[in-house]
Amino acid sequence: MTGRRLHAAVHLTHPETHEPVVLLPGDEPEDVVAALITHPDAWEDDPKAEAEEPSSEPQDLDAPAGGDPTPEPEPEPEPEPEPEPEPKRPAPARRRKTPEPGA
């Protein structure tokens, strides 16, 4: 892990001395300190490591050799069904005004 450079500032406690440590972008921490920095975004991209790692994309074994395979067009998404209209409530029955007593 020696030689990896930090991309971001990191605050941590040294594992052996228990002192607070502030590492700045571009620093190359010693291995015991670097082991504590687990967030991948804290590190600069390592071009050697990227070249050594196998591609995470699946390879198409049916593709013609030596050429860039033409990707298949994606199917069009199905249209969403239109929502059903809400049922209308019947209008409330009209009430008759009752005559006032003694009128």
Protein backbone atom coordinates (compact mmCIF):
# COMPACT_ATOMS: atom_id res chain seq x y z
CA MET A 1 0.00 0.00 0.00
CA THR A 2 3.05 2.22 0.11
CA GLY A 3 3.02 5.10 -2.33
CA ARG A 4 -0.73 5.73 -2.41
CA ARG A 5 -1.57 9.41 -2.28
CA LEU A 6 -4.52 10.98 -0.55
CA HIS A 7 -7.10 12.87 -2.56
CA ALA A 8 -8.80 14.44 0.48
CA ALA A 9 -7.86 15.57 3.97
CA VAL A 10 -8.24 12.85 6.62
CA HIS A 11 -8.41 13.19 10.41
CA LEU A 12 -7.68 10.08 12.47
CA THR A 13 -5.92 8.76 15.56
CA HIS A 14 -2.53 7.12 15.05
CA PRO A 15 -2.90 3.40 15.90
CA GLU A 16 0.41 3.18 17.79
CA THR A 17 0.85 6.60 19.46
CA HIS A 18 -2.89 7.39 19.86
CA GLU A 19 -2.18 10.98 18.83
CA PRO A 20 -4.55 12.88 16.53
CA VAL A 21 -3.22 12.98 12.96
CA VAL A 22 -4.28 15.26 10.12
CA LEU A 23 -3.29 14.09 6.64
CA LEU A 24 -3.63 16.48 3.71
CA PRO A 25 -4.31 15.84 0.02
CA GLY A 26 -1.15 14.59 -1.68
CA ASP A 27 0.26 12.99 1.51
CA GLU A 28 1.52 9.40 1.33
CA PRO A 29 0.81 7.92 4.80
CA GLU A 30 2.76 5.00 6.22
CA ASP A 31 1.14 1.57 5.91
CA VAL A 32 -0.19 1.32 9.50
CA VAL A 33 -1.95 4.68 9.10
CA ALA A 34 -3.09 4.00 5.53
CA ALA A 35 -4.78 0.79 6.68
CA LEU A 36 -7.16 2.91 8.78
CA ILE A 37 -8.33 4.93 5.77
CA THR A 38 -11.02 2.74 4.23
CA HIS A 39 -13.09 5.25 2.29
CA PRO A 40 -12.16 4.85 -1.41
CA ASP A 41 -12.86 8.51 -2.22
CA ALA A 42 -10.08 9.56 0.17
CA TRP A 43 -7.47 8.16 -2.22
CA GLU A 44 -6.27 9.47 -5.59
CA ASP A 45 -6.97 7.22 -8.55
CA ASP A 46 -4.12 4.78 -9.04
CA PRO A 47 -3.59 4.19 -12.77
CA LYS A 48 -1.47 1.06 -12.11
CA ALA A 49 -4.16 -0.52 -9.94
CA GLU A 50 -6.87 0.23 -12.51
CA ALA A 51 -4.82 -1.43 -15.26
CA GLU A 52 -4.23 -4.55 -13.13
CA GLU A 53 -7.85 -4.97 -12.01
CA PRO A 54 -10.08 -6.98 -14.34
CA SER A 55 -12.93 -5.09 -15.89
CA SER A 56 -16.16 -5.32 -13.90
CA GLU A 57 -18.18 -5.13 -17.13
CA PRO A 58 -19.29 -8.49 -18.53
CA GLN A 59 -17.65 -9.43 -21.79
CA ASP A 60 -19.81 -10.45 -24.73
CA LEU A 61 -18.44 -13.80 -25.88
CA ASP A 62 -20.56 -13.71 -29.05
CA ALA A 63 -19.06 -10.40 -30.25
CA PRO A 64 -16.94 -10.51 -33.39
CA ALA A 65 -13.21 -10.53 -32.66
CA GLY A 66 -11.20 -7.40 -33.36
CA GLY A 67 -14.16 -5.10 -33.78
CA ASP A 68 -16.25 -2.88 -31.57
CA PRO A 69 -19.54 -4.73 -31.06
CA THR A 70 -22.61 -2.80 -32.02
CA PRO A 71 -24.84 -2.54 -28.98
CA GLU A 72 -28.38 -3.77 -29.37
CA PRO A 73 -30.99 -1.02 -29.15
CA GLU A 74 -32.84 -0.93 -25.88
CA PRO A 75 -36.51 -1.85 -26.08
CA GLU A 76 -38.91 1.04 -25.67
CA PRO A 77 -40.54 1.12 -22.26
CA GLU A 78 -44.18 0.19 -22.14
CA PRO A 79 -46.47 3.19 -21.64
CA GLU A 80 -47.96 3.50 -18.22
CA PRO A 81 -51.66 2.67 -18.09
CA GLU A 82 -53.88 5.69 -17.62
CA PRO A 83 -55.40 5.87 -14.16
CA GLU A 84 -59.07 5.00 -13.88
CA PRO A 85 -61.30 8.01 -13.31
CA GLU A 86 -62.62 8.35 -9.79
CA PRO A 87 -66.26 7.35 -9.49
CA LYS A 88 -68.55 10.35 -9.15
CA ARG A 89 -70.71 10.53 -6.07
CA PRO A 90 -74.36 11.15 -6.68
CA ALA A 91 -75.52 14.64 -5.82
CA PRO A 92 -77.12 14.85 -2.39
CA ALA A 93 -80.92 14.90 -2.41
CA ARG A 94 -82.41 18.36 -2.03
CA ARG A 95 -84.17 18.98 1.18
CA ARG A 96 -87.41 20.85 1.41
CA LYS A 97 -87.70 23.68 3.75
CA THR A 98 -90.05 22.70 6.51
CA PRO A 99 -92.68 25.27 7.39
CA GLU A 100 -92.08 26.98 10.67
CA PRO A 101 -94.61 26.14 13.35
CA GLY A 102 -97.29 28.75 13.64
CA ALA A 103 -96.79 30.20 10.22
